[in-house]
Structure formats: structure tokens, C-alpha cells
Amino acid sequence: MNATATTTATVYVVDDDPSVRRALPRLLRSAGMDAIAFDSLTSLLATNLRTEDACIVADVRLEHEDGLTLPRLLAERGLTIPVVFLTAVDSLDMRDGALHAGGAAFFRKPVDDQALIDAIRWALARERSESPR
């Protein structure tokens, strides 16, 4: 059995809404994932982020920050972590922007719990298969 199979995935949640920062980590932990919540991109990026078997779930609209910049900010730091975007205000332009920015998935809040968990697992599996060994 390889190390990846026994490693618990880490999901970083970035949302400026305190209720989301409480609810999503609780959901993710119930699905067997570690979850750490942040209120901003700035606080997330100030952390020593795990990149292997990790994913970020980020709100598109954060107070004073544009969540869509996250994939670029990660790349500038040499970090490869899949990003699943969430938004309360959905539009075709925002969906296109999220996918163009490099998002692995895009969901409107309130998000279906199982759909989010499945998207995170898919993004993690895709990242594992694309990572050089």
C-alpha cells in the first residue's frame, strides 16, 4: 500500500462568512478529511500549506479580495493545489472566470454536500494522477 492511500486529505476552506467556516470543515471531517478554515486569502497564504493530498475550497467573493486570483497566487509561490470555487452570486461570467482561472470545480451556495465532497475527491485524484512521481 502506498503512502497516498493511507494519508488523510487536507482541505483548506477560505470564506469570509463565519457560519461557512464552521459548517464546511464539519462536513469535510465527517467525510474523513482534515479541514482547516481561513477568513481570507491573505491568512491562507501566510500558512505553510501542504500540497500533497490537499485541496482548497474558496469563496469567489471575499471581503477586500478576489477569490478567483487564488490559483495564480498559488502558482506564483510554486504551489500546486486544486481549487474548488463557491459563490452565493452565480453568473455565466463568474463560472467562466472560475474555470479560466484554473478552478477544478465551481458551485453555487448553498452547495449540495455530496456534490462538493465528490468534486474534492475528484480534484485530489486528478492531482495525484498528474503529479510526477
N, C-alpha and C. Protein backbone atom coordinates (compact mmCIF):
# COMPACT_ATOMS: atom_id res chain seq x y z
N MET A 1 0.85 -1.19 0.00
CA MET A 1 0.00 0.00 0.00
C MET A 1 0.89 1.24 0.00
N ASN A 2 0.60 2.20 -0.89
CA ASN A 2 1.45 3.39 -0.94
C ASN A 2 1.03 4.41 0.11
N ALA A 3 1.87 5.41 0.33
CA ALA A 3 1.62 6.41 1.37
C ALA A 3 0.37 7.22 1.09
N THR A 4 0.10 7.50 -0.18
CA THR A 4 -1.06 8.30 -0.53
C THR A 4 -2.36 7.64 -0.09
N ALA A 5 -2.42 6.32 -0.19
CA ALA A 5 -3.64 5.60 0.15
C ALA A 5 -3.95 5.70 1.64
N THR A 6 -2.93 5.89 2.49
CA THR A 6 -3.16 5.95 3.92
C THR A 6 -3.17 7.38 4.46
N THR A 7 -2.92 8.35 3.62
CA THR A 7 -2.88 9.74 4.04
C THR A 7 -4.27 10.35 3.99
N THR A 8 -4.62 11.08 5.04
CA THR A 8 -5.88 11.78 5.07
C THR A 8 -5.73 13.08 4.29
N ALA A 9 -6.66 13.33 3.38
CA ALA A 9 -6.61 14.56 2.60
C ALA A 9 -6.83 15.77 3.50
N THR A 10 -6.18 16.86 3.15
CA THR A 10 -6.38 18.13 3.85
C THR A 10 -7.12 19.08 2.92
N VAL A 11 -8.19 19.67 3.42
CA VAL A 11 -8.95 20.65 2.65
C VAL A 11 -8.90 21.97 3.40
N TYR A 12 -8.42 22.99 2.70
CA TYR A 12 -8.38 24.34 3.23
C TYR A 12 -9.65 25.06 2.76
N VAL A 13 -10.40 25.59 3.69
CA VAL A 13 -11.64 26.31 3.39
C VAL A 13 -11.37 27.79 3.57
N VAL A 14 -11.67 28.59 2.54
CA VAL A 14 -11.48 30.04 2.62
C VAL A 14 -12.83 30.71 2.37
N ASP A 15 -13.37 31.35 3.40
CA ASP A 15 -14.65 32.03 3.28
C ASP A 15 -14.72 33.10 4.35
N ASP A 16 -15.26 34.27 4.00
CA ASP A 16 -15.36 35.33 5.00
C ASP A 16 -16.62 35.23 5.86
N ASP A 17 -17.46 34.25 5.59
CA ASP A 17 -18.68 34.02 6.38
C ASP A 17 -18.36 33.02 7.50
N PRO A 18 -18.46 33.45 8.76
CA PRO A 18 -18.13 32.56 9.88
C PRO A 18 -18.96 31.27 9.89
N SER A 19 -20.22 31.34 9.48
CA SER A 19 -21.05 30.13 9.51
C SER A 19 -20.54 29.10 8.49
N VAL A 20 -20.04 29.56 7.35
CA VAL A 20 -19.47 28.64 6.35
C VAL A 20 -18.16 28.07 6.88
N ARG A 21 -17.37 28.90 7.56
CA ARG A 21 -16.09 28.42 8.12
C ARG A 21 -16.31 27.38 9.22
N ARG A 22 -17.49 27.37 9.83
CA ARG A 22 -17.81 26.33 10.81
C ARG A 22 -18.42 25.10 10.14
N ALA A 23 -19.35 25.32 9.22
CA ALA A 23 -20.12 24.21 8.63
C ALA A 23 -19.31 23.35 7.67
N LEU A 24 -18.57 23.97 6.75
CA LEU A 24 -17.84 23.18 5.76
C LEU A 24 -16.77 22.27 6.39
N PRO A 25 -15.95 22.77 7.32
CA PRO A 25 -14.99 21.85 7.94
C PRO A 25 -15.68 20.69 8.66
N ARG A 26 -16.81 20.96 9.30
CA ARG A 26 -17.55 19.89 9.97
C ARG A 26 -17.99 18.83 8.95
N LEU A 27 -18.52 19.28 7.81
CA LEU A 27 -18.93 18.37 6.75
C LEU A 27 -17.74 17.56 6.24
N LEU A 28 -16.65 18.23 5.96
CA LEU A 28 -15.48 17.56 5.40
C LEU A 28 -14.87 16.56 6.38
N ARG A 29 -14.87 16.90 7.65
CA ARG A 29 -14.36 15.95 8.66
C ARG A 29 -15.26 14.72 8.73
N SER A 30 -16.57 14.92 8.58
CA SER A 30 -17.49 13.77 8.59
C SER A 30 -17.25 12.86 7.39
N ALA A 31 -16.64 13.40 6.33
CA ALA A 31 -16.31 12.62 5.13
C ALA A 31 -14.88 12.05 5.20
N GLY A 32 -14.23 12.19 6.37
CA GLY A 32 -12.91 11.60 6.56
C GLY A 32 -11.75 12.46 6.12
N MET A 33 -11.98 13.75 5.93
CA MET A 33 -10.91 14.67 5.51
C MET A 33 -10.54 15.59 6.67
N ASP A 34 -9.29 16.02 6.69
CA ASP A 34 -8.90 17.08 7.61
C ASP A 34 -9.33 18.39 6.98
N ALA A 35 -9.78 19.35 7.78
CA ALA A 35 -10.22 20.63 7.23
C ALA A 35 -9.73 21.76 8.13
N ILE A 36 -9.22 22.80 7.49
CA ILE A 36 -8.73 23.98 8.18
C ILE A 36 -9.36 25.19 7.52
N ALA A 37 -9.97 26.07 8.31
CA ALA A 37 -10.70 27.21 7.75
C ALA A 37 -9.91 28.52 7.93
N PHE A 38 -10.06 29.39 6.92
CA PHE A 38 -9.43 30.71 6.90
C PHE A 38 -10.47 31.74 6.48
N ASP A 39 -10.29 32.97 6.95
CA ASP A 39 -11.25 34.02 6.61
C ASP A 39 -10.81 34.86 5.42
N SER A 40 -9.61 34.59 4.88
CA SER A 40 -9.11 35.39 3.76
C SER A 40 -8.01 34.64 3.01
N LEU A 41 -7.77 35.07 1.79
CA LEU A 41 -6.65 34.53 1.03
C LEU A 41 -5.34 34.87 1.71
N THR A 42 -5.27 36.07 2.26
CA THR A 42 -4.06 36.53 2.93
C THR A 42 -3.69 35.58 4.07
N SER A 43 -4.67 35.21 4.90
CA SER A 43 -4.37 34.31 6.02
C SER A 43 -4.03 32.91 5.53
N LEU A 44 -4.69 32.45 4.48
CA LEU A 44 -4.37 31.15 3.90
C LEU A 44 -2.93 31.13 3.40
N LEU A 45 -2.56 32.13 2.63
CA LEU A 45 -1.24 32.16 2.01
C LEU A 45 -0.12 32.44 3.00
N ALA A 46 -0.46 32.89 4.20
CA ALA A 46 0.55 33.11 5.24
C ALA A 46 0.88 31.81 5.98
N THR A 47 0.17 30.74 5.64
CA THR A 47 0.33 29.44 6.29
C THR A 47 1.26 28.56 5.47
N ASN A 48 1.93 27.65 6.13
CA ASN A 48 2.74 26.65 5.43
C ASN A 48 1.78 25.59 4.91
N LEU A 49 1.36 25.74 3.65
CA LEU A 49 0.35 24.87 3.08
C LEU A 49 0.91 23.53 2.65
N ARG A 50 0.20 22.50 2.98
CA ARG A 50 0.50 21.16 2.49
C ARG A 50 0.04 21.10 1.04
N THR A 51 0.85 20.55 0.16
CA THR A 51 0.45 20.48 -1.25
C THR A 51 0.09 19.07 -1.68
N GLU A 52 0.61 18.06 -1.02
CA GLU A 52 0.27 16.69 -1.39
C GLU A 52 -1.02 16.27 -0.71
N ASP A 53 -1.93 15.73 -1.50
CA ASP A 53 -3.23 15.28 -0.99
C ASP A 53 -3.97 16.43 -0.29
N ALA A 54 -3.98 17.59 -0.97
CA ALA A 54 -4.63 18.78 -0.43
C ALA A 54 -5.48 19.44 -1.50
N CYS A 55 -6.48 20.15 -1.04
CA CYS A 55 -7.40 20.87 -1.92
C CYS A 55 -7.84 22.13 -1.19
N ILE A 56 -8.23 23.14 -1.94
CA ILE A 56 -8.74 24.37 -1.35
C ILE A 56 -10.17 24.57 -1.85
N VAL A 57 -11.06 24.89 -0.92
CA VAL A 57 -12.43 25.29 -1.26
C VAL A 57 -12.51 26.77 -0.89
N ALA A 58 -12.71 27.62 -1.91
CA ALA A 58 -12.65 29.07 -1.67
C ALA A 58 -13.85 29.79 -2.24
N ASP A 59 -14.33 30.75 -1.48
CA ASP A 59 -15.40 31.63 -1.97
C ASP A 59 -14.80 32.54 -3.04
N VAL A 60 -15.59 32.82 -4.06
CA VAL A 60 -15.14 33.71 -5.13
C VAL A 60 -15.08 35.15 -4.63
N ARG A 61 -16.08 35.53 -3.86
CA ARG A 61 -16.15 36.91 -3.37
C ARG A 61 -15.82 36.95 -1.89
N LEU A 62 -14.65 37.47 -1.60
CA LEU A 62 -14.20 37.64 -0.23
C LEU A 62 -14.09 39.13 0.07
N GLU A 63 -14.23 39.47 1.33
CA GLU A 63 -14.11 40.87 1.71
C GLU A 63 -12.71 41.37 1.36
N HIS A 64 -12.63 42.37 0.49
CA HIS A 64 -11.37 43.01 0.06
C HIS A 64 -10.48 42.11 -0.78
N GLU A 65 -10.96 40.94 -1.25
CA GLU A 65 -10.12 40.05 -2.05
C GLU A 65 -10.96 39.38 -3.13
N ASP A 66 -10.33 39.05 -4.22
CA ASP A 66 -10.97 38.33 -5.31
C ASP A 66 -10.51 36.89 -5.26
N GLY A 67 -11.41 35.99 -4.89
CA GLY A 67 -11.06 34.59 -4.77
C GLY A 67 -10.54 33.98 -6.05
N LEU A 68 -10.95 34.54 -7.20
CA LEU A 68 -10.51 33.99 -8.48
C LEU A 68 -9.01 34.17 -8.71
N THR A 69 -8.37 35.01 -7.94
CA THR A 69 -6.92 35.18 -8.07
C THR A 69 -6.13 34.07 -7.39
N LEU A 70 -6.81 33.23 -6.62
CA LEU A 70 -6.11 32.22 -5.82
C LEU A 70 -5.22 31.28 -6.64
N PRO A 71 -5.70 30.66 -7.73
CA PRO A 71 -4.79 29.78 -8.48
C PRO A 71 -3.51 30.49 -8.94
N ARG A 72 -3.63 31.73 -9.37
CA ARG A 72 -2.45 32.50 -9.80
C ARG A 72 -1.51 32.75 -8.61
N LEU A 73 -2.08 33.12 -7.48
CA LEU A 73 -1.27 33.38 -6.29
C LEU A 73 -0.53 32.12 -5.83
N LEU A 74 -1.21 30.98 -5.92
CA LEU A 74 -0.55 29.72 -5.57
C LEU A 74 0.59 29.43 -6.54
N ALA A 75 0.33 29.59 -7.84
CA ALA A 75 1.35 29.33 -8.86
C ALA A 75 2.57 30.23 -8.67
N GLU A 76 2.34 31.49 -8.31
CA GLU A 76 3.44 32.42 -8.07
C GLU A 76 4.33 31.95 -6.92
N ARG A 77 3.78 31.16 -6.02
CA ARG A 77 4.54 30.62 -4.89
C ARG A 77 5.06 29.22 -5.16
N GLY A 78 4.82 28.73 -6.38
CA GLY A 78 5.28 27.40 -6.75
C GLY A 78 4.44 26.29 -6.14
N LEU A 79 3.20 26.59 -5.77
CA LEU A 79 2.32 25.61 -5.13
C LEU A 79 1.28 25.11 -6.13
N THR A 80 1.09 23.81 -6.14
CA THR A 80 0.07 23.21 -6.99
C THR A 80 -0.96 22.55 -6.09
N ILE A 81 -2.08 23.22 -5.92
CA ILE A 81 -3.18 22.71 -5.09
C ILE A 81 -4.47 22.99 -5.85
N PRO A 82 -5.30 21.96 -6.08
CA PRO A 82 -6.56 22.22 -6.78
C PRO A 82 -7.48 23.12 -5.97
N VAL A 83 -8.23 23.96 -6.68
CA VAL A 83 -9.15 24.91 -6.03
C VAL A 83 -10.57 24.65 -6.52
N VAL A 84 -11.47 24.48 -5.57
CA VAL A 84 -12.90 24.37 -5.85
C VAL A 84 -13.51 25.70 -5.42
N PHE A 85 -14.18 26.37 -6.35
CA PHE A 85 -14.77 27.67 -6.04
C PHE A 85 -16.23 27.56 -5.64
N LEU A 86 -16.62 28.43 -4.69
CA LEU A 86 -18.01 28.57 -4.26
C LEU A 86 -18.42 30.02 -4.43
N THR A 87 -19.71 30.24 -4.67
CA THR A 87 -20.22 31.61 -4.71
C THR A 87 -21.69 31.64 -4.34
N ALA A 88 -22.11 32.72 -3.77
CA ALA A 88 -23.53 32.93 -3.48
C ALA A 88 -24.19 33.66 -4.64
N VAL A 89 -23.38 34.30 -5.48
CA VAL A 89 -23.89 35.07 -6.62
C VAL A 89 -23.34 34.45 -7.89
N ASP A 90 -24.16 33.64 -8.53
CA ASP A 90 -23.73 32.89 -9.70
C ASP A 90 -24.06 33.63 -10.98
N SER A 91 -23.15 33.56 -11.94
CA SER A 91 -23.40 34.09 -13.27
C SER A 91 -22.54 33.31 -14.24
N LEU A 92 -22.90 33.35 -15.50
CA LEU A 92 -22.11 32.67 -16.52
C LEU A 92 -20.70 33.25 -16.58
N ASP A 93 -20.58 34.57 -16.47
CA ASP A 93 -19.25 35.19 -16.48
C ASP A 93 -18.40 34.71 -15.31
N MET A 94 -19.03 34.58 -14.13
CA MET A 94 -18.28 34.13 -12.96
C MET A 94 -17.85 32.68 -13.13
N ARG A 95 -18.74 31.84 -13.65
CA ARG A 95 -18.38 30.43 -13.91
C ARG A 95 -17.22 30.34 -14.88
N ASP A 96 -17.32 31.10 -15.99
CA ASP A 96 -16.23 31.12 -16.97
C ASP A 96 -14.94 31.61 -16.35
N GLY A 97 -15.04 32.66 -15.53
CA GLY A 97 -13.87 33.21 -14.86
C GLY A 97 -13.22 32.20 -13.93
N ALA A 98 -14.04 31.44 -13.21
CA ALA A 98 -13.51 30.44 -12.27
C ALA A 98 -12.79 29.34 -13.02
N LEU A 99 -13.37 28.87 -14.10
CA LEU A 99 -12.73 27.81 -14.87
C LEU A 99 -11.49 28.33 -15.59
N HIS A 100 -11.55 29.56 -16.12
CA HIS A 100 -10.40 30.17 -16.78
C HIS A 100 -9.26 30.40 -15.79
N ALA A 101 -9.60 30.72 -14.54
CA ALA A 101 -8.58 30.96 -13.51
C ALA A 101 -7.89 29.65 -13.10
N GLY A 102 -8.48 28.52 -13.46
CA GLY A 102 -7.87 27.24 -13.11
C GLY A 102 -8.63 26.47 -12.06
N GLY A 103 -9.85 26.85 -11.79
CA GLY A 103 -10.65 26.14 -10.79
C GLY A 103 -10.95 24.72 -11.22
N ALA A 104 -10.91 23.80 -10.26
CA ALA A 104 -11.22 22.40 -10.53
C ALA A 104 -12.73 22.19 -10.62
N ALA A 105 -13.49 23.02 -9.91
CA ALA A 105 -14.95 22.93 -9.91
C ALA A 105 -15.52 24.25 -9.44
N PHE A 106 -16.81 24.43 -9.67
CA PHE A 106 -17.49 25.68 -9.33
C PHE A 106 -18.90 25.33 -8.85
N PHE A 107 -19.27 25.83 -7.67
CA PHE A 107 -20.59 25.57 -7.10
C PHE A 107 -21.24 26.84 -6.58
N ARG A 108 -22.55 26.88 -6.70
CA ARG A 108 -23.32 27.96 -6.10
C ARG A 108 -23.73 27.54 -4.69
N LYS A 109 -23.65 28.49 -3.76
CA LYS A 109 -24.11 28.25 -2.39
C LYS A 109 -25.63 28.39 -2.36
N PRO A 110 -26.32 27.64 -1.57
CA PRO A 110 -25.78 26.53 -0.76
C PRO A 110 -25.44 25.35 -1.64
N VAL A 111 -24.30 24.77 -1.38
CA VAL A 111 -23.80 23.67 -2.19
C VAL A 111 -24.35 22.34 -1.67
N ASP A 112 -24.63 21.43 -2.58
CA ASP A 112 -25.03 20.08 -2.21
C ASP A 112 -23.82 19.39 -1.57
N ASP A 113 -23.98 18.89 -0.36
CA ASP A 113 -22.87 18.31 0.39
C ASP A 113 -22.15 17.22 -0.38
N GLN A 114 -22.92 16.26 -0.91
CA GLN A 114 -22.29 15.13 -1.60
C GLN A 114 -21.60 15.57 -2.88
N ALA A 115 -22.18 16.51 -3.59
CA ALA A 115 -21.56 17.01 -4.82
C ALA A 115 -20.21 17.67 -4.51
N LEU A 116 -20.14 18.44 -3.42
CA LEU A 116 -18.89 19.08 -3.03
C LEU A 116 -17.85 18.04 -2.64
N ILE A 117 -18.23 17.08 -1.83
CA ILE A 117 -17.30 16.02 -1.42
C ILE A 117 -16.79 15.26 -2.64
N ASP A 118 -17.70 14.93 -3.56
CA ASP A 118 -17.30 14.22 -4.78
C ASP A 118 -16.33 15.06 -5.61
N ALA A 119 -16.58 16.36 -5.73
CA ALA A 119 -15.70 17.24 -6.50
C ALA A 119 -14.32 17.32 -5.87
N ILE A 120 -14.26 17.39 -4.56
CA ILE A 120 -12.97 17.43 -3.87
C ILE A 120 -12.22 16.13 -4.10
N ARG A 121 -12.90 15.01 -3.94
CA ARG A 121 -12.24 13.71 -4.16
C ARG A 121 -11.76 13.59 -5.60
N TRP A 122 -12.56 14.05 -6.55
CA TRP A 122 -12.17 14.02 -7.96
C TRP A 122 -10.92 14.88 -8.19
N ALA A 123 -10.93 16.10 -7.62
CA ALA A 123 -9.78 17.01 -7.79
C ALA A 123 -8.52 16.41 -7.18
N LEU A 124 -8.65 15.77 -6.03
CA LEU A 124 -7.50 15.13 -5.39
C LEU A 124 -6.98 13.97 -6.24
N ALA A 125 -7.88 13.15 -6.75
CA ALA A 125 -7.47 12.02 -7.58
C ALA A 125 -6.80 12.50 -8.86
N ARG A 126 -7.35 13.54 -9.47
CA ARG A 126 -6.76 14.09 -10.69
C ARG A 126 -5.36 14.64 -10.41
N GLU A 127 -5.22 15.34 -9.29
CA GLU A 127 -3.92 15.91 -8.93
C GLU A 127 -2.90 14.80 -8.70
N ARG A 128 -3.30 13.72 -8.02
CA ARG A 128 -2.40 12.59 -7.79
C ARG A 128 -1.95 11.97 -9.11
N SER A 129 -2.89 11.82 -10.04
CA SER A 129 -2.55 11.16 -11.31
C SER A 129 -1.67 12.05 -12.20
N GLU A 130 -1.75 13.37 -12.00
CA GLU A 130 -0.96 14.29 -12.83
C GLU A 130 0.38 14.64 -12.20
N SER A 131 0.55 14.33 -10.91
CA SER A 131 1.80 14.69 -10.22
C SER A 131 2.92 13.76 -10.63
N PRO A 132 4.09 14.33 -10.91
CA PRO A 132 5.24 13.47 -11.24
C PRO A 132 5.67 12.68 -10.00
N ARG A 133 6.03 11.47 -10.20
CA ARG A 133 6.47 10.61 -9.08
C ARG A 133 7.97 10.56 -8.99
